[in-house]
C-alpha atoms as a PDB file:
ATOM      1  CA  MET A   1      32.115  64.467 178.749  1.00  0.00           C
ATOM      2  CA  THR A   2      35.174  66.802 179.830  1.00  0.00           C
ATOM      3  CA  THR A   3      35.472  69.870 177.900  1.00  0.00           C
ATOM      4  CA  SER A   4      38.477  71.793 176.989  1.00  0.00           C
ATOM      5  CA  THR A   5      38.151  74.118 179.181  1.00  0.00           C
ATOM      6  CA  GLU A   6      38.131  71.721 181.682  1.00  0.00           C
ATOM      7  CA  GLU A   7      41.495  70.268 180.724  1.00  0.00           C
ATOM      8  CA  SER A   8      42.870  73.205 180.044  1.00  0.00           C
ATOM      9  CA  LEU A   9      42.059  74.465 183.668  1.00  0.00           C
ATOM     10  CA  TRP A  10      43.568  71.056 185.297  1.00  0.00           C
ATOM     11  CA  ALA A  11      46.867  70.681 182.772  1.00  0.00           C
ATOM     12  CA  ARG A  12      48.965  73.137 181.266  1.00  0.00           C
ATOM     13  CA  CYS A  13      50.786  73.003 178.299  1.00  0.00           C
ATOM     14  CA  PHE A  14      53.762  75.378 177.979  1.00  0.00           C
ATOM     15  CA  HIS A  15      55.265  74.469 174.909  1.00  0.00           C
ATOM     16  CA  PRO A  16      52.354  72.591 172.442  1.00  0.00           C
ATOM     17  CA  ALA A  17      53.482  69.856 170.693  1.00  0.00           C
ATOM     18  CA  PRO A  18      49.745  68.453 169.415  1.00  0.00           C
ATOM     19  CA  GLU A  19      51.438  66.545 166.657  1.00  0.00           C
ATOM     20  CA  SER A  20      53.866  64.500 169.021  1.00  0.00           C
ATOM     21  CA  PRO A  21      52.701  60.950 169.403  1.00  0.00           C
ATOM     22  CA  ARG A  22      53.260  61.051 173.082  1.00  0.00           C
ATOM     23  CA  GLN A  23      52.710  62.765 176.146  1.00  0.00           C
ATOM     24  CA  LEU A  24      54.251  63.886 179.783  1.00  0.00           C
ATOM     25  CA  PHE A  25      52.200  64.416 182.511  1.00  0.00           C
ATOM     26  CA  CYS A  26      53.927  66.260 185.415  1.00  0.00           C
ATOM     27  CA  PHE A  27      52.505  66.351 188.827  1.00  0.00           C
ATOM     28  CA  PRO A  28      53.675  68.853 191.490  1.00  0.00           C
ATOM     29  CA  HIS A  29      54.748  68.751 195.073  1.00  0.00           C
ATOM     30  CA  ALA A  30      53.062  69.649 197.993  1.00  0.00           C
ATOM     31  CA  GLY A  31      52.318  73.140 197.422  1.00  0.00           C
ATOM     32  CA  GLY A  32      53.719  73.355 193.591  1.00  0.00           C
ATOM     33  CA  SER A  33      52.040  74.632 190.990  1.00  0.00           C
ATOM     34  CA  ALA A  34      52.064  73.795 187.081  1.00  0.00           C
ATOM     35  CA  SER A  35      54.668  76.402 186.629  1.00  0.00           C
ATOM     36  CA  PHE A  36      57.330  74.324 188.264  1.00  0.00           C
ATOM     37  CA  TYR A  37      57.555  72.166 185.513  1.00  0.00           C
ATOM     38  CA  PHE A  38      57.942  74.866 182.823  1.00  0.00           C
ATOM     39  CA  PRO A  39      61.680  74.101 182.361  1.00  0.00           C
ATOM     40  CA  VAL A  40      61.197  70.271 181.681  1.00  0.00           C
ATOM     41  CA  SER A  41      58.519  71.341 179.048  1.00  0.00           C
ATOM     42  CA  ALA A  42      61.093  73.388 177.886  1.00  0.00           C
ATOM     43  CA  GLN A  43      63.626  70.719 177.328  1.00  0.00           C
ATOM     44  CA  LEU A  44      60.966  67.780 176.360  1.00  0.00           C
ATOM     45  CA  SER A  45      58.762  69.572 173.868  1.00  0.00           C
ATOM     46  CA  SER A  46      60.879  68.187 170.631  1.00  0.00           C
ATOM     47  CA  VAL A  47      59.966  64.492 172.011  1.00  0.00           C
ATOM     48  CA  ALA A  48      56.804  64.914 173.827  1.00  0.00           C
ATOM     49  CA  GLU A  49      53.859  67.319 174.275  1.00  0.00           C
ATOM     50  CA  VAL A  50      54.415  68.333 178.019  1.00  0.00           C
ATOM     51  CA  PHE A  51      51.722  69.029 180.275  1.00  0.00           C
ATOM     52  CA  SER A  52      51.853  70.152 184.172  1.00  0.00           C
ATOM     53  CA  VAL A  53      48.978  69.318 186.127  1.00  0.00           C
ATOM     54  CA  GLN A  54      47.437  72.520 188.289  1.00  0.00           C
ATOM     55  CA  TYR A  55      45.861  71.627 191.175  1.00  0.00           C
ATOM     56  CA  PRO A  56      43.235  73.485 193.058  1.00  0.00           C
ATOM     57  CA  GLY A  57      44.090  76.272 195.530  1.00  0.00           C
ATOM     58  CA  ARG A  58      47.369  78.020 193.392  1.00  0.00           C
ATOM     59  CA  GLN A  59      48.264  80.382 190.947  1.00  0.00           C
ATOM     60  CA  ASP A  60      45.241  81.634 189.047  1.00  0.00           C
ATOM     61  CA  ARG A  61      43.497  78.718 190.916  1.00  0.00           C
ATOM     62  CA  ARG A  62      43.894  79.895 194.382  1.00  0.00           C
ATOM     63  CA  LYS A  63      40.508  80.984 194.727  1.00  0.00           C
ATOM     64  CA  GLU A  64      39.343  77.433 194.698  1.00  0.00           C
ATOM     65  CA  THR A  65      39.683  75.215 197.492  1.00  0.00           C
ATOM     66  CA  SER A  66      42.232  72.560 197.351  1.00  0.00           C
ATOM     67  CA  PRO A  67      41.173  69.193 198.326  1.00  0.00           C
ATOM     68  CA  ASP A  68      42.729  67.792 201.991  1.00  0.00           C
ATOM     69  CA  ASP A  69      42.263  64.410 200.483  1.00  0.00           C
ATOM     70  CA  LEU A  70      44.495  62.244 198.181  1.00  0.00           C
ATOM     71  CA  ASN A  71      42.312  59.875 196.898  1.00  0.00           C
ATOM     72  CA  THR A  72      39.759  62.741 196.132  1.00  0.00           C
ATOM     73  CA  MET A  73      42.521  64.892 194.663  1.00  0.00           C
ATOM     74  CA  ALA A  74      43.109  61.812 192.130  1.00  0.00           C
ATOM     75  CA  ASP A  75      39.356  61.071 191.251  1.00  0.00           C
ATOM     76  CA  GLN A  76      39.315  64.830 190.427  1.00  0.00           C
ATOM     77  CA  VAL A  77      42.533  65.249 188.402  1.00  0.00           C
ATOM     78  CA  TYR A  78      41.025  61.851 186.127  1.00  0.00           C
ATOM     79  CA  ALA A  79      37.747  63.119 185.905  1.00  0.00           C
ATOM     80  CA  ALA A  80      39.362  66.359 184.079  1.00  0.00           C
ATOM     81  CA  LEU A  81      41.843  64.584 182.236  1.00  0.00           C
ATOM     82  CA  ARG A  82      40.703  61.431 181.321  1.00  0.00           C
ATOM     83  CA  GLU A  83      40.016  62.044 177.567  1.00  0.00           C
ATOM     84  CA  GLN A  84      43.356  63.272 177.299  1.00  0.00           C
ATOM     85  CA  PHE A  85      45.290  60.059 178.813  1.00  0.00           C
ATOM     86  CA  HIS A  86      43.411  58.136 176.530  1.00  0.00           C
ATOM     87  CA  ALA A  87      44.571  60.100 173.668  1.00  0.00           C
ATOM     88  CA  ARG A  88      48.151  58.757 173.142  1.00  0.00           C
ATOM     89  CA  PRO A  89      50.451  57.088 174.632  1.00  0.00           C
ATOM     90  CA  THR A  90      51.224  58.835 178.224  1.00  0.00           C
ATOM     91  CA  THR A  91      54.057  58.785 180.700  1.00  0.00           C
ATOM     92  CA  PHE A  92      53.624  60.105 183.864  1.00  0.00           C
ATOM     93  CA  PHE A  93      55.962  61.820 186.019  1.00  0.00           C
ATOM     94  CA  GLY A  94      55.457  63.126 190.254  1.00  0.00           C
ATOM     95  CA  HIS A  95      57.465  64.408 192.207  1.00  0.00           C
ATOM     96  CA  SER A  96      56.938  63.955 196.329  1.00  0.00           C
ATOM     97  CA  MET A  97      53.235  64.759 197.130  1.00  0.00           C
ATOM     98  CA  GLY A  98      52.791  64.579 192.999  1.00  0.00           C
ATOM     99  CA  ALA A  99      54.490  60.809 192.823  1.00  0.00           C
ATOM    100  CA  THR A 100      52.036  59.288 195.060  1.00  0.00           C
ATOM    101  CA  ILE A 101      49.451  61.380 192.945  1.00  0.00           C
ATOM    102  CA  ALA A 102      50.786  60.134 190.239  1.00  0.00           C
ATOM    103  CA  PHE A 103      50.640  56.275 191.247  1.00  0.00           C
ATOM    104  CA  GLU A 104      46.644  57.216 192.473  1.00  0.00           C
ATOM    105  CA  VAL A 105      45.752  58.651 188.890  1.00  0.00           C
ATOM    106  CA  ALA A 106      47.488  55.495 187.385  1.00  0.00           C
ATOM    107  CA  ARG A 107      45.517  53.329 189.082  1.00  0.00           C
ATOM    108  CA  ARG A 108      42.403  54.768 188.057  1.00  0.00           C
ATOM    109  CA  PHE A 109      43.687  55.178 184.464  1.00  0.00           C
ATOM    110  CA  GLU A 110      44.410  51.427 184.368  1.00  0.00           C
ATOM    111  CA  ALA A 111      41.106  50.417 186.094  1.00  0.00           C
ATOM    112  CA  ASP A 112      39.221  52.474 183.121  1.00  0.00           C
ATOM    113  CA  GLY A 113      41.170  50.194 180.067  1.00  0.00           C
ATOM    114  CA  GLY A 114      44.387  52.723 179.936  1.00  0.00           C
ATOM    115  CA  GLU A 115      47.906  51.543 179.795  1.00  0.00           C
ATOM    116  CA  LEU A 116      50.250  54.188 181.143  1.00  0.00           C
ATOM    117  CA  SER A 117      53.792  54.098 179.253  1.00  0.00           C
ATOM    118  CA  HIS A 118      55.869  54.783 182.444  1.00  0.00           C
ATOM    119  CA  LEU A 119      55.747  56.348 186.000  1.00  0.00           C
ATOM    120  CA  PHE A 120      58.416  58.010 187.155  1.00  0.00           C
ATOM    121  CA  ALA A 121      58.085  58.274 190.941  1.00  0.00           C
ATOM    122  CA  SER A 122      60.226  61.271 192.185  1.00  0.00           C
ATOM    123  CA  GLY A 123      61.714  61.905 195.678  1.00  0.00           C
ATOM    124  CA  ARG A 124      58.881  60.195 197.454  1.00  0.00           C
ATOM    125  CA  ARG A 125      58.653  56.780 199.493  1.00  0.00           C
ATOM    126  CA  ALA A 126      56.540  54.059 198.297  1.00  0.00           C
ATOM    127  CA  PRO A 127      53.081  54.496 199.204  1.00  0.00           C
ATOM    128  CA  SER A 128      52.871  51.503 201.384  1.00  0.00           C
ATOM    129  CA  ARG A 129      55.695  53.211 203.791  1.00  0.00           C
ATOM    130  CA  PHE A 130      53.806  55.445 206.168  1.00  0.00           C
ATOM    131  CA  ARG A 131      55.525  57.773 208.115  1.00  0.00           C
ATOM    132  CA  ASP A 132      53.639  59.610 211.264  1.00  0.00           C
ATOM    133  CA  GLU A 133      53.988  62.865 210.199  1.00  0.00           C
ATOM    134  CA  ASN A 134      51.996  65.914 211.122  1.00  0.00           C
ATOM    135  CA  VAL A 135      53.022  69.361 209.114  1.00  0.00           C
ATOM    136  CA  HIS A 136      49.612  69.902 208.334  1.00  0.00           C
ATOM    137  CA  ARG A 137      48.661  70.563 212.559  1.00  0.00           C
ATOM    138  CA  ARG A 138      51.739  72.807 212.790  1.00  0.00           C
ATOM    139  CA  SER A 139      51.069  76.801 212.961  1.00  0.00           C
ATOM    140  CA  ASP A 140      51.635  78.675 209.981  1.00  0.00           C
ATOM    141  CA  ASP A 141      55.441  79.338 210.847  1.00  0.00           C
ATOM    142  CA  GLY A 142      55.927  75.723 211.803  1.00  0.00           C
ATOM    143  CA  ILE A 143      54.702  74.743 208.141  1.00  0.00           C
ATOM    144  CA  VAL A 144      57.252  77.979 206.554  1.00  0.00           C
ATOM    145  CA  ALA A 145      59.843  76.368 208.613  1.00  0.00           C
ATOM    146  CA  GLU A 146      59.010  73.183 206.831  1.00  0.00           C
ATOM    147  CA  LEU A 147      59.683  74.369 203.486  1.00  0.00           C
ATOM    148  CA  LYS A 148      62.537  76.438 204.028  1.00  0.00           C
ATOM    149  CA  LEU A 149      64.157  72.955 205.478  1.00  0.00           C
ATOM    150  CA  LEU A 150      63.145  71.273 202.119  1.00  0.00           C
ATOM    151  CA  SER A 151      64.278  74.406 199.966  1.00  0.00           C
ATOM    152  CA  GLY A 152      61.081  73.440 197.994  1.00  0.00           C
ATOM    153  CA  THR A 153      60.134  77.226 197.723  1.00  0.00           C
ATOM    154  CA  ASN A 154      61.529  79.909 197.098  1.00  0.00           C
ATOM    155  CA  THR A 155      62.692  81.430 200.553  1.00  0.00           C
ATOM    156  CA  ALA A 156      62.042  84.841 199.371  1.00  0.00           C
ATOM    157  CA  LEU A 157      58.149  84.318 198.586  1.00  0.00           C
ATOM    158  CA  LEU A 158      58.535  82.805 201.935  1.00  0.00           C
ATOM    159  CA  GLY A 159      59.071  86.412 203.709  1.00  0.00           C
ATOM    160  CA  ASP A 160      55.999  87.901 201.625  1.00  0.00           C
ATOM    161  CA  GLU A 161      53.089  87.935 204.292  1.00  0.00           C
ATOM    162  CA  GLU A 162      50.582  88.677 201.623  1.00  0.00           C
ATOM    163  CA  ILE A 163      51.917  85.883 198.912  1.00  0.00           C
ATOM    164  CA  LEU A 164      52.404  83.600 202.111  1.00  0.00           C
ATOM    165  CA  ARG A 165      48.578  83.979 203.234  1.00  0.00           C
ATOM    166  CA  MET A 166      47.799  82.868 199.326  1.00  0.00           C
ATOM    167  CA  ILE A 167      49.573  79.840 199.104  1.00  0.00           C
ATOM    168  CA  LEU A 168      49.045  78.824 202.677  1.00  0.00           C
ATOM    169  CA  PRO A 169      45.663  77.345 203.060  1.00  0.00           C
ATOM    170  CA  ALA A 170      46.713  75.217 199.687  1.00  0.00           C
ATOM    171  CA  ILE A 171      50.133  74.254 201.275  1.00  0.00           C
ATOM    172  CA  ARG A 172      48.191  72.923 204.684  1.00  0.00           C
ATOM    173  CA  SER A 173      45.631  70.658 202.521  1.00  0.00           C
ATOM    174  CA  ASP A 174      48.575  69.261 200.634  1.00  0.00           C
ATOM    175  CA  TYR A 175      50.381  68.343 203.550  1.00  0.00           C
ATOM    176  CA  ARG A 176      46.947  67.219 205.190  1.00  0.00           C
ATOM    177  CA  ALA A 177      46.226  65.089 202.416  1.00  0.00           C
ATOM    178  CA  ILE A 178      49.576  63.125 201.916  1.00  0.00           C
ATOM    179  CA  GLU A 179      50.104  62.658 205.598  1.00  0.00           C
ATOM    180  CA  THR A 180      46.854  60.564 205.922  1.00  0.00           C
ATOM    181  CA  TYR A 181      46.998  59.136 202.954  1.00  0.00           C
ATOM    182  CA  ARG A 182      47.377  55.343 203.289  1.00  0.00           C
ATOM    183  CA  CYS A 183      48.005  52.405 200.605  1.00  0.00           C
ATOM    184  CA  GLU A 184      48.159  48.603 201.100  1.00  0.00           C
ATOM    185  CA  PRO A 185      51.044  46.962 200.427  1.00  0.00           C
ATOM    186  CA  GLY A 186      50.869  44.719 196.848  1.00  0.00           C
ATOM    187  CA  THR A 187      49.074  47.809 195.304  1.00  0.00           C
ATOM    188  CA  ALA A 188      50.022  48.235 192.386  1.00  0.00           C
ATOM    189  CA  VAL A 189      49.666  49.255 188.519  1.00  0.00           C
ATOM    190  CA  ARG A 190      50.577  47.560 185.296  1.00  0.00           C
ATOM    191  CA  ALA A 191      52.899  50.507 184.280  1.00  0.00           C
ATOM    192  CA  PRO A 192      56.674  50.451 184.573  1.00  0.00           C
ATOM    193  CA  ILE A 193      57.813  52.299 187.646  1.00  0.00           C
ATOM    194  CA  SER A 194      60.917  54.342 188.013  1.00  0.00           C
ATOM    195  CA  ALA A 195      61.915  55.415 191.405  1.00  0.00           C
ATOM    196  CA  LEU A 196      64.073  58.454 191.682  1.00  0.00           C
ATOM    197  CA  THR A 197      65.507  59.919 194.939  1.00  0.00           C
ATOM    198  CA  GLY A 198      68.515  61.707 196.167  1.00  0.00           C
ATOM    199  CA  ASP A 199      70.844  60.072 198.507  1.00  0.00           C
ATOM    200  CA  SER A 200      70.281  62.900 200.881  1.00  0.00           C
ATOM    201  CA  ASP A 201      66.619  63.165 201.237  1.00  0.00           C
ATOM    202  CA  PRO A 202      65.435  63.139 204.955  1.00  0.00           C
ATOM    203  CA  LYS A 203      62.352  62.665 203.643  1.00  0.00           C
ATOM    204  CA  THR A 204      62.862  59.365 201.541  1.00  0.00           C
ATOM    205  CA  THR A 205      65.489  56.910 202.396  1.00  0.00           C
ATOM    206  CA  LEU A 206      66.846  54.273 199.740  1.00  0.00           C
ATOM    207  CA  ASP A 207      65.016  51.357 201.495  1.00  0.00           C
ATOM    208  CA  GLU A 208      61.868  53.604 201.033  1.00  0.00           C
ATOM    209  CA  ALA A 209      62.236  54.173 197.419  1.00  0.00           C
ATOM    210  CA  GLU A 210      63.014  50.895 196.614  1.00  0.00           C
ATOM    211  CA  ASP A 211      59.510  49.717 197.733  1.00  0.00           C
ATOM    212  CA  TRP A 212      57.818  51.284 194.903  1.00  0.00           C
ATOM    213  CA  ARG A 213      58.920  47.763 193.155  1.00  0.00           C
ATOM    214  CA  GLY A 214      55.954  46.441 194.889  1.00  0.00           C
ATOM    215  CA  HIS A 215      54.090  48.258 193.732  1.00  0.00           C
ATOM    216  CA  THR A 216      54.176  47.800 189.827  1.00  0.00           C
ATOM    217  CA  THR A 217      53.767  44.196 188.283  1.00  0.00           C
ATOM    218  CA  GLY A 218      55.824  45.454 185.455  1.00  0.00           C
ATOM    219  CA  ALA A 219      59.405  46.682 185.816  1.00  0.00           C
ATOM    220  CA  PHE A 220      61.126  48.476 187.872  1.00  0.00           C
ATOM    221  CA  ASP A 221      63.991  50.034 188.512  1.00  0.00           C
ATOM    222  CA  LEU A 222      65.763  52.686 191.111  1.00  0.00           C
ATOM    223  CA  LYS A 223      67.848  55.757 190.238  1.00  0.00           C
ATOM    224  CA  VAL A 224      69.935  57.655 193.089  1.00  0.00           C
ATOM    225  CA  PHE A 225      71.200  61.269 192.861  1.00  0.00           C
ATOM    226  CA  PRO A 226      72.980  63.422 194.734  1.00  0.00           C
ATOM    227  CA  GLY A 227      70.679  65.514 196.615  1.00  0.00           C
ATOM    228  CA  GLY A 228      68.094  66.346 199.217  1.00  0.00           C
ATOM    229  CA  HIS A 229      64.249  66.426 198.362  1.00  0.00           C
ATOM    230  CA  PHE A 230      64.227  68.714 195.791  1.00  0.00           C
ATOM    231  CA  PHE A 231      67.673  67.029 193.785  1.00  0.00           C
ATOM    232  CA  LEU A 232      65.907  68.079 190.621  1.00  0.00           C
ATOM    233  CA  GLY A 233      67.018  71.724 190.738  1.00  0.00           C
ATOM    234  CA  SER A 234      70.644  70.242 190.820  1.00  0.00           C
ATOM    235  CA  GLN A 235      70.372  67.160 189.305  1.00  0.00           C
ATOM    236  CA  ALA A 236      67.971  68.724 186.448  1.00  0.00           C
ATOM    237  CA  PRO A 237      70.019  67.825 183.210  1.00  0.00           C
ATOM    238  CA  ALA A 238      70.569  64.249 184.155  1.00  0.00           C
ATOM    239  CA  VAL A 239      66.639  64.305 185.176  1.00  0.00           C
ATOM    240  CA  ILE A 240      65.486  65.628 181.853  1.00  0.00           C
ATOM    241  CA  ALA A 241      68.444  63.077 179.960  1.00  0.00           C
ATOM    242  CA  LEU A 242      66.692  60.070 181.547  1.00  0.00           C
ATOM    243  CA  LEU A 243      63.113  61.053 180.460  1.00  0.00           C
ATOM    244  CA  ARG A 244      64.183  62.378 176.873  1.00  0.00           C
ATOM    245  CA  GLN A 245      65.411  58.722 176.693  1.00  0.00           C
ATOM    246  CA  HIS A 246      62.547  57.357 177.510  1.00  0.00           C
ATOM    247  CA  LEU A 247      60.114  59.199 175.644  1.00  0.00           C
ATOM    248  CA  SER A 248      62.527  59.137 172.133  1.00  0.00           C
ATOM    249  CA  SER A 249      62.307  55.073 172.504  1.00  0.00           C
ATOM    250  CA  SER A 250      58.523  54.972 173.689  1.00  0.00           C
ATOM    251  CA  GLY A 251      55.764  54.159 171.709  1.00  0.00           C
END
């Protein structure tokens, strides 16, 4: 049985709303941490209790080893948070690597008898769309260059060698996990899926985002926003409005 300590280790709630009838779990990108979703939690705590998943190897979990296999990560997330997922109507939101982890956790949730309200897959091509990428094999400088290209991490932090030494092992593990992940076409969840993408994202074409349609037996829609891989920054009001609308209308 999962303890509350284990749950709080894996999911951070910055603005508790225990009386809310619904909950939103947010899954960070490669190298990302729970605090990335603090603004989302602040904006949506009136309509749902918002939890942000904290993977091993970062922030207060930096001494732990981060899994370099995405299915292992999904297994660990589900084992730790299973009881929370089943407690009340649940929605998942994941960005980049987090979208794929959310999809795999959703598969485990449904296989265990759960019913996910909705899956928002942001900034990531469909699970079955493969690109032969090898960022995880690059030197530390090569990984930092990739992060700067995508602008997913504060560039000031990327120039701090002490901080880099702390976060690069987890980032490399994350890249290895997502770049070695494979999913067969037609592998689907029952939950409705909304795919969100930036119109100039170098990591996801519109066709690759559209192919999330084949990974649900429920409803699907694609929403395109101005911006690149981290369009969430400039488009935060629109994305939060979308989530608010869903959470306000869902059971």
